[in-house]
Every structure is written in structure tokens, then in C-alpha cells.
């Protein structure tokens, strides 16, 4: 019986050592590894055509989601996710969304963003990331409250990094 305990101990110890020493660098996804990029939208003054203009009280919400997307404090641009399992994403962009200020009325415009999602293999630990190719945006749906978005231009058709704005919204 003592020999069986010794063999069992030896098997468990060998398994434990093997499982802890067999981990390779490829088994851990490094922190700086590129992942699926967000769409970067930069807000521009329609009158000047080049100056940054922050939309007041901006709220961003996907049309099929109840809660707004947390964008934090808007300085000149926002980063929003696109659906990786569809070829389009609809967003409601609302200015003056602060409900405590009764002097201004919220104004919501809906944008429809179309693209082709493509998978790119990163590594065995990180798996795949999604790139979005052929970015287009349909004309703005003003809703019942009129347009606050005057124009939209695509700056980069492919969303595969977050180094610069992909879309300019003029307002």
C-alpha cells in the first residue's frame, strides 16, 4: 500500500510541475497587443470647416441598447465600438442631453454606419481581432427635432487602429 501512495504522490507532483513549467510566452496575451479598434469620430465646426467644436452635452447610444455608451468628457473626439457580428451599427447622437437644464432642448440625430467586418489572427493567446473595411455612413436621420449634424465625412475607410480619426462630424 505504501508503494501506491508513493506512486500517486510522484504522478501528482510530475503533473503539477509539468503544468506549471509548460506555459510559453504565446500563452499570455501581452498588454500592448492590438485588439479590435473603436471608431474614432472627431467633431468639427461647420462654419470654419477645420476648427474643433465640442458638441454640448453629447450623449451616444446604440439604437438597440437602452443605456447610453459611456464616453466620458468629450474634448475633440469620441471612440465608439462597432458591432463585430453585423455589417452596420446605428447610433443616436444627442446634444443638450442634460435634463437638468430646461433652457435647452435635446436634439437627437441617428447615424447608420456600414462596414465589412474581417477577422485578423493575432496570436494563439490573443485570438482574433476584427477590422472594419469599407466604412460608409448613410445620411443623417434628423428625427422630429431637426438636424444638429450638418455634414459627415469619412477620413479613413478602414478601421484597423486608433491612431487618427476615421470620421469627421461637422456641426
N, C-alpha and C. Protein backbone atom coordinates (compact mmCIF):
# COMPACT_ATOMS: atom_id res chain seq x y z
N UNK A 1 0.81 -1.19 0.00
CA UNK A 1 0.00 0.00 0.00
C UNK A 1 0.86 1.26 0.00
N UNK A 2 1.99 1.17 0.69
CA UNK A 2 2.87 2.33 0.77
C UNK A 2 3.44 2.68 -0.60
N UNK A 3 3.71 1.70 -1.44
CA UNK A 3 4.25 1.96 -2.77
C UNK A 3 3.23 2.68 -3.66
N UNK A 4 1.94 2.37 -3.47
CA UNK A 4 0.89 3.04 -4.24
C UNK A 4 0.78 4.52 -3.86
N UNK A 5 0.92 4.80 -2.58
CA UNK A 5 0.90 6.20 -2.13
C UNK A 5 2.09 6.95 -2.71
N UNK A 6 3.23 6.29 -2.72
CA UNK A 6 4.43 6.91 -3.28
C UNK A 6 4.26 7.16 -4.78
N UNK A 7 3.71 6.20 -5.53
CA UNK A 7 3.48 6.38 -6.96
C UNK A 7 2.45 7.47 -7.24
N UNK A 8 1.39 7.49 -6.44
CA UNK A 8 0.37 8.52 -6.60
C UNK A 8 0.96 9.91 -6.35
N UNK A 9 1.77 10.03 -5.29
CA UNK A 9 2.44 11.29 -5.00
C UNK A 9 3.36 11.70 -6.14
N UNK A 10 4.09 10.76 -6.70
CA UNK A 10 5.01 11.02 -7.80
C UNK A 10 4.25 11.47 -9.06
N UNK A 11 3.14 10.83 -9.38
CA UNK A 11 2.33 11.20 -10.54
C UNK A 11 1.76 12.61 -10.37
N UNK A 12 1.22 12.90 -9.21
CA UNK A 12 0.63 14.23 -8.95
C UNK A 12 1.71 15.30 -9.01
N UNK A 13 2.85 15.05 -8.42
CA UNK A 13 3.94 16.02 -8.43
C UNK A 13 4.44 16.26 -9.85
N UNK A 14 4.60 15.20 -10.63
CA UNK A 14 5.04 15.33 -12.01
C UNK A 14 4.03 16.13 -12.83
N UNK A 15 2.76 15.84 -12.67
CA UNK A 15 1.71 16.58 -13.39
C UNK A 15 1.72 18.05 -13.00
N UNK A 16 1.85 18.35 -11.72
CA UNK A 16 1.87 19.73 -11.24
C UNK A 16 3.07 20.48 -11.81
N UNK A 17 4.26 19.88 -11.77
CA UNK A 17 5.45 20.54 -12.31
C UNK A 17 5.33 20.76 -13.82
N UNK A 18 4.81 19.76 -14.52
CA UNK A 18 4.66 19.88 -15.97
C UNK A 18 3.69 21.00 -16.32
N UNK A 19 2.56 21.06 -15.63
CA UNK A 19 1.55 22.07 -15.96
C UNK A 19 2.03 23.48 -15.64
N UNK A 20 2.89 23.66 -14.66
CA UNK A 20 3.38 25.00 -14.32
C UNK A 20 4.58 25.43 -15.14
N UNK A 21 5.32 24.50 -15.70
CA UNK A 21 6.50 24.87 -16.48
C UNK A 21 6.26 24.81 -17.98
N UNK A 22 5.10 24.35 -18.41
CA UNK A 22 4.86 24.22 -19.84
C UNK A 22 4.26 25.48 -20.46
N UNK A 23 4.04 26.52 -19.67
CA UNK A 23 3.47 27.76 -20.17
C UNK A 23 4.53 28.50 -20.99
N UNK A 24 4.18 28.90 -22.19
CA UNK A 24 5.11 29.61 -23.06
C UNK A 24 4.67 31.07 -23.20
N UNK A 25 5.51 31.87 -23.79
CA UNK A 25 5.22 33.28 -23.99
C UNK A 25 3.94 33.47 -24.81
N UNK A 26 3.68 32.58 -25.77
CA UNK A 26 2.49 32.70 -26.61
C UNK A 26 1.19 32.40 -25.85
N UNK A 27 1.29 31.87 -24.66
CA UNK A 27 0.09 31.53 -23.90
C UNK A 27 -0.50 32.72 -23.15
N UNK A 28 0.21 33.84 -23.13
CA UNK A 28 -0.26 35.03 -22.42
C UNK A 28 -0.33 36.18 -23.42
N UNK A 29 -1.50 36.80 -23.49
CA UNK A 29 -1.68 37.93 -24.40
C UNK A 29 -1.06 39.18 -23.78
N UNK A 30 -0.03 39.71 -24.42
CA UNK A 30 0.68 40.88 -23.89
C UNK A 30 -0.23 42.10 -23.86
N UNK A 31 0.01 43.00 -22.92
CA UNK A 31 -0.85 44.16 -22.70
C UNK A 31 -0.91 45.09 -23.92
N UNK A 32 0.16 45.28 -24.63
CA UNK A 32 0.19 46.20 -25.76
C UNK A 32 -0.26 45.59 -27.08
N UNK A 33 -0.75 44.36 -27.07
CA UNK A 33 -1.17 43.69 -28.29
C UNK A 33 -2.39 44.38 -28.89
N UNK A 34 -2.37 44.66 -30.20
CA UNK A 34 -3.52 45.31 -30.84
C UNK A 34 -4.78 44.46 -30.72
N UNK A 35 -5.88 45.10 -30.40
CA UNK A 35 -7.17 44.43 -30.32
C UNK A 35 -8.14 45.13 -31.27
N UNK A 36 -9.38 44.69 -31.28
CA UNK A 36 -10.38 45.29 -32.15
C UNK A 36 -10.49 46.78 -31.85
N UNK A 37 -10.34 47.60 -32.87
CA UNK A 37 -10.32 49.05 -32.71
C UNK A 37 -11.71 49.64 -32.62
N UNK A 38 -11.81 50.75 -31.93
CA UNK A 38 -13.03 51.53 -31.88
C UNK A 38 -13.04 52.52 -33.03
N UNK A 39 -14.21 52.98 -33.42
CA UNK A 39 -14.37 54.02 -34.41
C UNK A 39 -14.13 55.36 -33.74
N UNK A 40 -13.26 56.18 -34.30
CA UNK A 40 -12.97 57.50 -33.72
C UNK A 40 -13.68 58.56 -34.56
N UNK A 41 -14.54 59.34 -33.87
CA UNK A 41 -15.28 60.42 -34.50
C UNK A 41 -14.77 61.73 -33.94
N UNK A 42 -14.38 62.64 -34.83
CA UNK A 42 -13.90 63.96 -34.43
C UNK A 42 -14.96 65.00 -34.81
N UNK A 43 -15.21 65.95 -33.93
CA UNK A 43 -16.24 66.96 -34.14
C UNK A 43 -15.61 68.27 -34.60
N UNK A 44 -16.12 68.78 -35.74
CA UNK A 44 -15.55 69.96 -36.39
C UNK A 44 -16.64 71.03 -36.52
N UNK A 45 -16.21 72.29 -36.41
CA UNK A 45 -17.11 73.43 -36.59
C UNK A 45 -17.50 73.53 -38.07
N UNK A 46 -18.79 73.51 -38.36
CA UNK A 46 -19.28 73.56 -39.74
C UNK A 46 -18.92 74.88 -40.42
N UNK A 47 -18.97 75.98 -39.67
CA UNK A 47 -18.68 77.31 -40.24
C UNK A 47 -17.24 77.44 -40.70
N UNK A 48 -16.30 77.02 -39.85
CA UNK A 48 -14.88 77.18 -40.20
C UNK A 48 -14.40 76.04 -41.09
N UNK A 49 -14.94 74.87 -40.91
CA UNK A 49 -14.52 73.71 -41.70
C UNK A 49 -13.27 73.03 -41.20
N UNK A 50 -12.61 73.60 -40.16
CA UNK A 50 -11.38 72.99 -39.68
C UNK A 50 -11.21 73.05 -38.17
N UNK A 51 -11.87 73.97 -37.50
CA UNK A 51 -11.72 74.11 -36.05
C UNK A 51 -12.50 73.03 -35.32
N UNK A 52 -11.92 72.53 -34.25
CA UNK A 52 -12.60 71.55 -33.40
C UNK A 52 -13.73 72.26 -32.66
N UNK A 53 -14.89 71.62 -32.61
CA UNK A 53 -16.04 72.18 -31.89
C UNK A 53 -16.70 71.05 -31.10
N UNK A 54 -16.65 71.16 -29.79
CA UNK A 54 -17.20 70.13 -28.91
C UNK A 54 -18.71 70.26 -28.87
N UNK A 55 -19.45 69.19 -29.17
CA UNK A 55 -20.91 69.25 -29.07
C UNK A 55 -21.35 69.33 -27.61
N UNK A 56 -22.22 70.29 -27.26
CA UNK A 56 -22.60 70.47 -25.85
C UNK A 56 -23.49 69.32 -25.36
N UNK A 57 -23.17 68.78 -24.20
CA UNK A 57 -23.98 67.75 -23.57
C UNK A 57 -24.21 66.53 -24.44
N UNK A 58 -23.15 66.04 -25.08
CA UNK A 58 -23.27 64.91 -26.01
C UNK A 58 -23.56 63.61 -25.27
N UNK A 59 -24.52 62.87 -25.81
CA UNK A 59 -24.84 61.52 -25.33
C UNK A 59 -24.89 60.61 -26.55
N UNK A 60 -24.26 59.45 -26.44
CA UNK A 60 -24.19 58.50 -27.55
C UNK A 60 -24.82 57.19 -27.10
N UNK A 61 -25.76 56.69 -27.93
CA UNK A 61 -26.46 55.46 -27.57
C UNK A 61 -26.71 54.65 -28.83
N UNK A 62 -26.39 53.37 -28.78
CA UNK A 62 -26.75 52.48 -29.88
C UNK A 62 -28.27 52.34 -29.89
N UNK A 63 -28.87 52.28 -31.07
CA UNK A 63 -30.33 52.28 -31.16
C UNK A 63 -30.96 51.04 -30.54
N UNK A 64 -30.23 49.94 -30.46
CA UNK A 64 -30.80 48.71 -29.90
C UNK A 64 -30.38 48.46 -28.45
N UNK A 65 -29.85 49.49 -27.79
CA UNK A 65 -29.40 49.38 -26.40
C UNK A 65 -30.09 50.47 -25.58
N UNK A 66 -30.48 50.14 -24.36
CA UNK A 66 -31.22 51.09 -23.52
C UNK A 66 -30.34 52.18 -22.92
N UNK A 67 -29.14 51.83 -22.48
CA UNK A 67 -28.31 52.80 -21.78
C UNK A 67 -27.30 53.45 -22.73
N UNK A 68 -27.01 54.73 -22.50
CA UNK A 68 -26.01 55.42 -23.34
C UNK A 68 -24.62 54.81 -23.17
N UNK A 69 -23.82 54.96 -24.21
CA UNK A 69 -22.44 54.49 -24.18
C UNK A 69 -21.61 55.47 -23.34
N UNK A 70 -20.82 55.00 -22.38
CA UNK A 70 -20.03 55.92 -21.55
C UNK A 70 -18.87 56.51 -22.34
N UNK A 71 -18.97 57.79 -22.68
CA UNK A 71 -17.92 58.42 -23.49
C UNK A 71 -17.03 59.35 -22.67
N UNK A 72 -17.41 59.60 -21.42
CA UNK A 72 -16.60 60.48 -20.58
C UNK A 72 -16.73 61.92 -21.05
N UNK A 73 -15.74 62.72 -20.72
CA UNK A 73 -15.72 64.13 -21.12
C UNK A 73 -15.24 64.22 -22.56
N UNK A 74 -16.04 64.85 -23.40
CA UNK A 74 -15.68 64.99 -24.81
C UNK A 74 -14.78 66.22 -24.96
N UNK A 75 -13.60 66.01 -25.52
CA UNK A 75 -12.70 67.14 -25.77
C UNK A 75 -12.72 67.51 -27.25
N UNK A 76 -12.41 66.59 -28.10
CA UNK A 76 -12.49 66.86 -29.55
C UNK A 76 -13.00 65.66 -30.32
N UNK A 77 -12.90 64.47 -29.72
CA UNK A 77 -13.34 63.27 -30.41
C UNK A 77 -13.85 62.24 -29.41
N UNK A 78 -14.54 61.24 -29.95
CA UNK A 78 -15.02 60.12 -29.15
C UNK A 78 -14.62 58.82 -29.83
N UNK A 79 -14.54 57.77 -29.05
CA UNK A 79 -14.26 56.42 -29.56
C UNK A 79 -15.46 55.55 -29.21
N UNK A 80 -16.06 54.95 -30.23
CA UNK A 80 -17.23 54.10 -30.01
C UNK A 80 -17.03 52.75 -30.70
N UNK A 81 -17.60 51.69 -30.13
CA UNK A 81 -17.44 50.37 -30.74
C UNK A 81 -18.41 50.15 -31.89
N UNK A 82 -18.02 49.29 -32.79
CA UNK A 82 -18.90 48.84 -33.87
C UNK A 82 -19.23 47.37 -33.62
N UNK A 83 -20.37 46.93 -34.10
CA UNK A 83 -20.76 45.53 -33.93
C UNK A 83 -19.85 44.66 -34.80
N UNK A 84 -19.30 43.62 -34.20
CA UNK A 84 -18.42 42.74 -34.95
C UNK A 84 -19.18 41.61 -35.63
N UNK A 85 -20.43 41.40 -35.25
CA UNK A 85 -21.22 40.31 -35.82
C UNK A 85 -22.30 40.81 -36.78
N UNK A 86 -22.16 42.05 -37.26
CA UNK A 86 -23.12 42.64 -38.19
C UNK A 86 -22.36 43.52 -39.17
N UNK A 87 -23.05 43.97 -40.22
CA UNK A 87 -22.41 44.82 -41.22
C UNK A 87 -22.81 46.29 -41.06
N UNK A 88 -23.51 46.61 -39.98
CA UNK A 88 -23.85 48.01 -39.71
C UNK A 88 -24.10 48.21 -38.21
N UNK A 89 -23.99 49.45 -37.78
CA UNK A 89 -24.32 49.85 -36.42
C UNK A 89 -25.03 51.19 -36.50
N UNK A 90 -26.14 51.32 -35.78
CA UNK A 90 -26.87 52.59 -35.71
C UNK A 90 -26.62 53.23 -34.35
N UNK A 91 -26.33 54.53 -34.39
CA UNK A 91 -26.12 55.29 -33.15
C UNK A 91 -27.01 56.51 -33.13
N UNK A 92 -27.54 56.81 -31.94
CA UNK A 92 -28.25 58.05 -31.69
C UNK A 92 -27.27 59.00 -31.02
N UNK A 93 -27.02 60.14 -31.65
CA UNK A 93 -26.15 61.15 -31.08
C UNK A 93 -27.04 62.31 -30.63
N UNK A 94 -27.06 62.59 -29.35
CA UNK A 94 -27.94 63.61 -28.79
C UNK A 94 -27.09 64.72 -28.17
N UNK A 95 -27.36 65.97 -28.57
CA UNK A 95 -26.72 67.11 -27.91
C UNK A 95 -27.72 67.70 -26.92
N UNK A 96 -27.19 68.48 -26.00
CA UNK A 96 -28.01 69.11 -24.95
C UNK A 96 -28.79 68.05 -24.18
N UNK A 97 -28.15 66.93 -23.89
CA UNK A 97 -28.84 65.82 -23.25
C UNK A 97 -29.01 66.01 -21.74
N UNK A 98 -28.44 67.07 -21.20
CA UNK A 98 -28.54 67.34 -19.76
C UNK A 98 -29.99 67.70 -19.42
N UNK A 99 -30.68 66.80 -18.77
CA UNK A 99 -32.10 67.00 -18.49
C UNK A 99 -32.34 68.00 -17.35
N UNK A 100 -31.31 68.38 -16.61
CA UNK A 100 -31.49 69.35 -15.53
C UNK A 100 -31.56 70.78 -16.04
N UNK A 101 -31.03 71.04 -17.22
CA UNK A 101 -31.06 72.39 -17.80
C UNK A 101 -32.29 72.50 -18.69
N UNK A 102 -33.27 73.25 -18.26
CA UNK A 102 -34.53 73.39 -19.02
C UNK A 102 -34.46 74.47 -20.08
N UNK A 103 -33.34 75.21 -20.16
CA UNK A 103 -33.21 76.28 -21.15
C UNK A 103 -32.91 75.75 -22.55
N UNK A 104 -32.39 74.53 -22.64
CA UNK A 104 -32.05 73.95 -23.94
C UNK A 104 -32.84 72.67 -24.16
N UNK A 105 -33.12 72.40 -25.41
CA UNK A 105 -33.88 71.20 -25.77
C UNK A 105 -32.93 70.17 -26.36
N UNK A 106 -33.01 68.92 -25.91
CA UNK A 106 -32.18 67.88 -26.52
C UNK A 106 -32.51 67.71 -28.00
N UNK A 107 -31.49 67.40 -28.78
CA UNK A 107 -31.66 67.20 -30.22
C UNK A 107 -30.93 65.92 -30.60
N UNK A 108 -31.66 64.96 -31.16
CA UNK A 108 -31.09 63.66 -31.48
C UNK A 108 -31.05 63.44 -32.99
N UNK A 109 -29.88 63.05 -33.48
CA UNK A 109 -29.71 62.62 -34.87
C UNK A 109 -29.25 61.17 -34.85
N UNK A 110 -29.72 60.39 -35.82
CA UNK A 110 -29.35 58.97 -35.91
C UNK A 110 -28.44 58.79 -37.11
N UNK A 111 -27.29 58.14 -36.87
CA UNK A 111 -26.38 57.83 -37.98
C UNK A 111 -26.32 56.32 -38.14
N UNK A 112 -26.23 55.88 -39.40
CA UNK A 112 -26.12 54.47 -39.74
C UNK A 112 -24.75 54.25 -40.35
N UNK A 113 -23.92 53.45 -39.67
CA UNK A 113 -22.55 53.19 -40.10
C UNK A 113 -22.49 51.79 -40.70
N UNK A 114 -22.07 51.69 -41.97
CA UNK A 114 -21.95 50.40 -42.64
C UNK A 114 -20.48 50.06 -42.84
N UNK A 115 -20.18 48.76 -42.84
CA UNK A 115 -18.80 48.28 -42.97
C UNK A 115 -18.82 46.78 -43.23
N UNK A 116 -17.65 46.24 -43.53
CA UNK A 116 -17.49 44.80 -43.66
C UNK A 116 -16.50 44.34 -42.60
N UNK A 117 -16.96 43.57 -41.60
CA UNK A 117 -16.03 43.09 -40.58
C UNK A 117 -15.18 41.94 -41.11
N UNK A 118 -13.89 42.00 -40.86
CA UNK A 118 -12.97 40.93 -41.25
C UNK A 118 -12.12 40.55 -40.04
N UNK A 119 -11.90 39.25 -39.87
CA UNK A 119 -11.09 38.77 -38.76
C UNK A 119 -9.62 38.77 -39.14
N UNK A 120 -8.78 39.12 -38.17
CA UNK A 120 -7.33 39.05 -38.34
C UNK A 120 -6.76 38.27 -37.17
N UNK A 121 -5.98 37.23 -37.48
CA UNK A 121 -5.38 36.41 -36.43
C UNK A 121 -4.26 37.21 -35.76
N UNK A 122 -4.28 37.27 -34.43
CA UNK A 122 -3.26 38.00 -33.69
C UNK A 122 -2.22 37.02 -33.14
N UNK A 123 -2.65 36.07 -32.32
CA UNK A 123 -1.77 35.04 -31.76
C UNK A 123 -2.64 33.98 -31.10
N UNK A 124 -2.01 32.89 -30.68
CA UNK A 124 -2.79 31.83 -30.04
C UNK A 124 -3.36 32.29 -28.70
N UNK A 125 -2.68 33.17 -28.01
CA UNK A 125 -3.18 33.65 -26.72
C UNK A 125 -4.24 34.73 -26.88
N UNK A 126 -4.06 35.60 -27.86
CA UNK A 126 -4.98 36.72 -28.04
C UNK A 126 -6.13 36.39 -28.97
N UNK A 127 -5.98 35.40 -29.79
CA UNK A 127 -7.05 35.03 -30.72
C UNK A 127 -7.11 35.95 -31.91
N UNK A 128 -8.32 36.41 -32.25
CA UNK A 128 -8.55 37.23 -33.42
C UNK A 128 -8.96 38.64 -33.00
N UNK A 129 -8.69 39.60 -33.88
CA UNK A 129 -9.25 40.94 -33.73
C UNK A 129 -10.07 41.21 -34.98
N UNK A 130 -11.01 42.12 -34.87
CA UNK A 130 -11.87 42.46 -36.00
C UNK A 130 -11.42 43.78 -36.59
N UNK A 131 -11.25 43.80 -37.91
CA UNK A 131 -11.02 45.04 -38.65
C UNK A 131 -12.29 45.34 -39.43
N UNK A 132 -12.59 46.60 -39.61
CA UNK A 132 -13.79 47.03 -40.33
C UNK A 132 -13.34 47.70 -41.62
N UNK A 133 -13.76 47.13 -42.75
CA UNK A 133 -13.33 47.60 -44.07
C UNK A 133 -14.48 48.31 -44.78
N UNK A 134 -14.16 49.26 -45.65
CA UNK A 134 -15.16 49.92 -46.50
C UNK A 134 -16.19 50.72 -45.72
N UNK A 135 -15.75 51.51 -44.78
CA UNK A 135 -16.64 52.30 -43.93
C UNK A 135 -17.45 53.29 -44.76
N UNK A 136 -18.77 53.29 -44.56
CA UNK A 136 -19.66 54.30 -45.16
C UNK A 136 -20.68 54.70 -44.09
N UNK A 137 -21.24 55.89 -44.27
CA UNK A 137 -22.25 56.38 -43.33
C UNK A 137 -23.41 56.93 -44.15
N UNK A 138 -24.62 56.46 -43.83
CA UNK A 138 -25.82 56.93 -44.52
C UNK A 138 -26.13 58.35 -44.07
N UNK A 139 -26.92 59.09 -44.87
CA UNK A 139 -27.30 60.44 -44.46
C UNK A 139 -27.99 60.42 -43.09
N UNK A 140 -27.83 61.51 -42.37
CA UNK A 140 -28.35 61.63 -41.01
C UNK A 140 -29.87 61.63 -41.01
N UNK A 141 -30.45 60.87 -40.09
CA UNK A 141 -31.90 60.92 -39.86
C UNK A 141 -32.15 61.97 -38.78
N UNK A 142 -32.80 63.10 -39.13
CA UNK A 142 -32.93 64.20 -38.17
C UNK A 142 -33.99 63.97 -37.09
N UNK A 143 -34.85 63.00 -37.27
CA UNK A 143 -35.93 62.81 -36.30
C UNK A 143 -36.91 63.97 -36.37
N UNK A 144 -37.62 64.23 -35.28
CA UNK A 144 -38.62 65.30 -35.25
C UNK A 144 -38.05 66.64 -34.84
N UNK A 145 -36.80 66.68 -34.40
CA UNK A 145 -36.25 67.91 -33.84
C UNK A 145 -35.23 68.60 -34.76
N UNK A 146 -35.10 68.17 -36.01
CA UNK A 146 -34.17 68.81 -36.95
C UNK A 146 -32.75 68.30 -36.77
N UNK A 147 -31.91 68.62 -37.76
CA UNK A 147 -30.50 68.20 -37.73
C UNK A 147 -29.67 69.13 -36.87
N UNK A 148 -28.80 68.56 -36.06
CA UNK A 148 -27.71 69.34 -35.49
C UNK A 148 -26.42 68.98 -36.21
N UNK A 149 -26.39 67.80 -36.84
CA UNK A 149 -25.24 67.39 -37.65
C UNK A 149 -25.45 67.95 -39.05
N UNK A 150 -24.50 68.77 -39.50
CA UNK A 150 -24.60 69.39 -40.82
C UNK A 150 -24.02 68.51 -41.93
N UNK A 151 -22.92 67.82 -41.61
CA UNK A 151 -22.24 67.02 -42.64
C UNK A 151 -21.37 65.97 -41.95
N UNK A 152 -21.13 64.87 -42.66
CA UNK A 152 -20.25 63.81 -42.17
C UNK A 152 -19.30 63.44 -43.30
N UNK A 153 -18.01 63.38 -42.99
CA UNK A 153 -17.03 62.93 -43.99
C UNK A 153 -16.22 61.77 -43.41
N UNK A 154 -15.92 60.83 -44.28
CA UNK A 154 -15.08 59.68 -43.91
C UNK A 154 -13.63 60.07 -44.19
N UNK A 155 -12.80 59.97 -43.18
CA UNK A 155 -11.39 60.29 -43.34
C UNK A 155 -10.55 59.05 -43.65
N UNK A 156 -10.97 57.93 -43.07
CA UNK A 156 -10.27 56.66 -43.30
C UNK A 156 -11.32 55.58 -43.43
N UNK A 157 -11.33 54.86 -44.55
CA UNK A 157 -12.35 53.85 -44.82
C UNK A 157 -12.17 52.57 -44.04
N UNK A 158 -10.98 52.33 -43.52
CA UNK A 158 -10.72 51.09 -42.80
C UNK A 158 -10.44 51.40 -41.33
N UNK A 159 -11.15 50.71 -40.46
CA UNK A 159 -10.96 50.87 -39.02
C UNK A 159 -10.14 49.68 -38.54
N UNK A 160 -8.82 49.88 -38.47
CA UNK A 160 -7.94 48.81 -38.01
C UNK A 160 -6.93 49.30 -36.97
N UNK A 161 -7.03 50.57 -36.58
CA UNK A 161 -6.22 51.11 -35.49
C UNK A 161 -6.91 52.35 -34.95
N UNK A 162 -6.36 52.91 -33.90
CA UNK A 162 -6.94 54.09 -33.27
C UNK A 162 -5.95 55.24 -33.24
N UNK A 163 -5.17 55.39 -34.31
CA UNK A 163 -4.15 56.42 -34.34
C UNK A 163 -4.68 57.78 -34.78
N UNK A 164 -5.76 57.81 -35.54
CA UNK A 164 -6.32 59.08 -36.02
C UNK A 164 -7.82 58.89 -36.24
N UNK A 165 -8.52 60.02 -36.40
CA UNK A 165 -9.98 59.98 -36.58
C UNK A 165 -10.34 59.28 -37.88
N UNK A 166 -11.40 58.49 -37.83
CA UNK A 166 -11.94 57.80 -39.01
C UNK A 166 -13.03 58.64 -39.66
N UNK A 167 -13.76 59.42 -38.85
CA UNK A 167 -14.92 60.17 -39.32
C UNK A 167 -14.88 61.58 -38.72
N UNK A 168 -15.23 62.57 -39.56
CA UNK A 168 -15.44 63.94 -39.08
C UNK A 168 -16.93 64.23 -39.12
N UNK A 169 -17.46 64.76 -38.01
CA UNK A 169 -18.83 65.23 -37.98
C UNK A 169 -18.79 66.75 -37.85
N UNK A 170 -19.40 67.42 -38.83
CA UNK A 170 -19.47 68.88 -38.84
C UNK A 170 -20.81 69.32 -38.26
N UNK A 171 -20.74 70.27 -37.31
CA UNK A 171 -21.97 70.76 -36.69
C UNK A 171 -21.84 72.24 -36.35
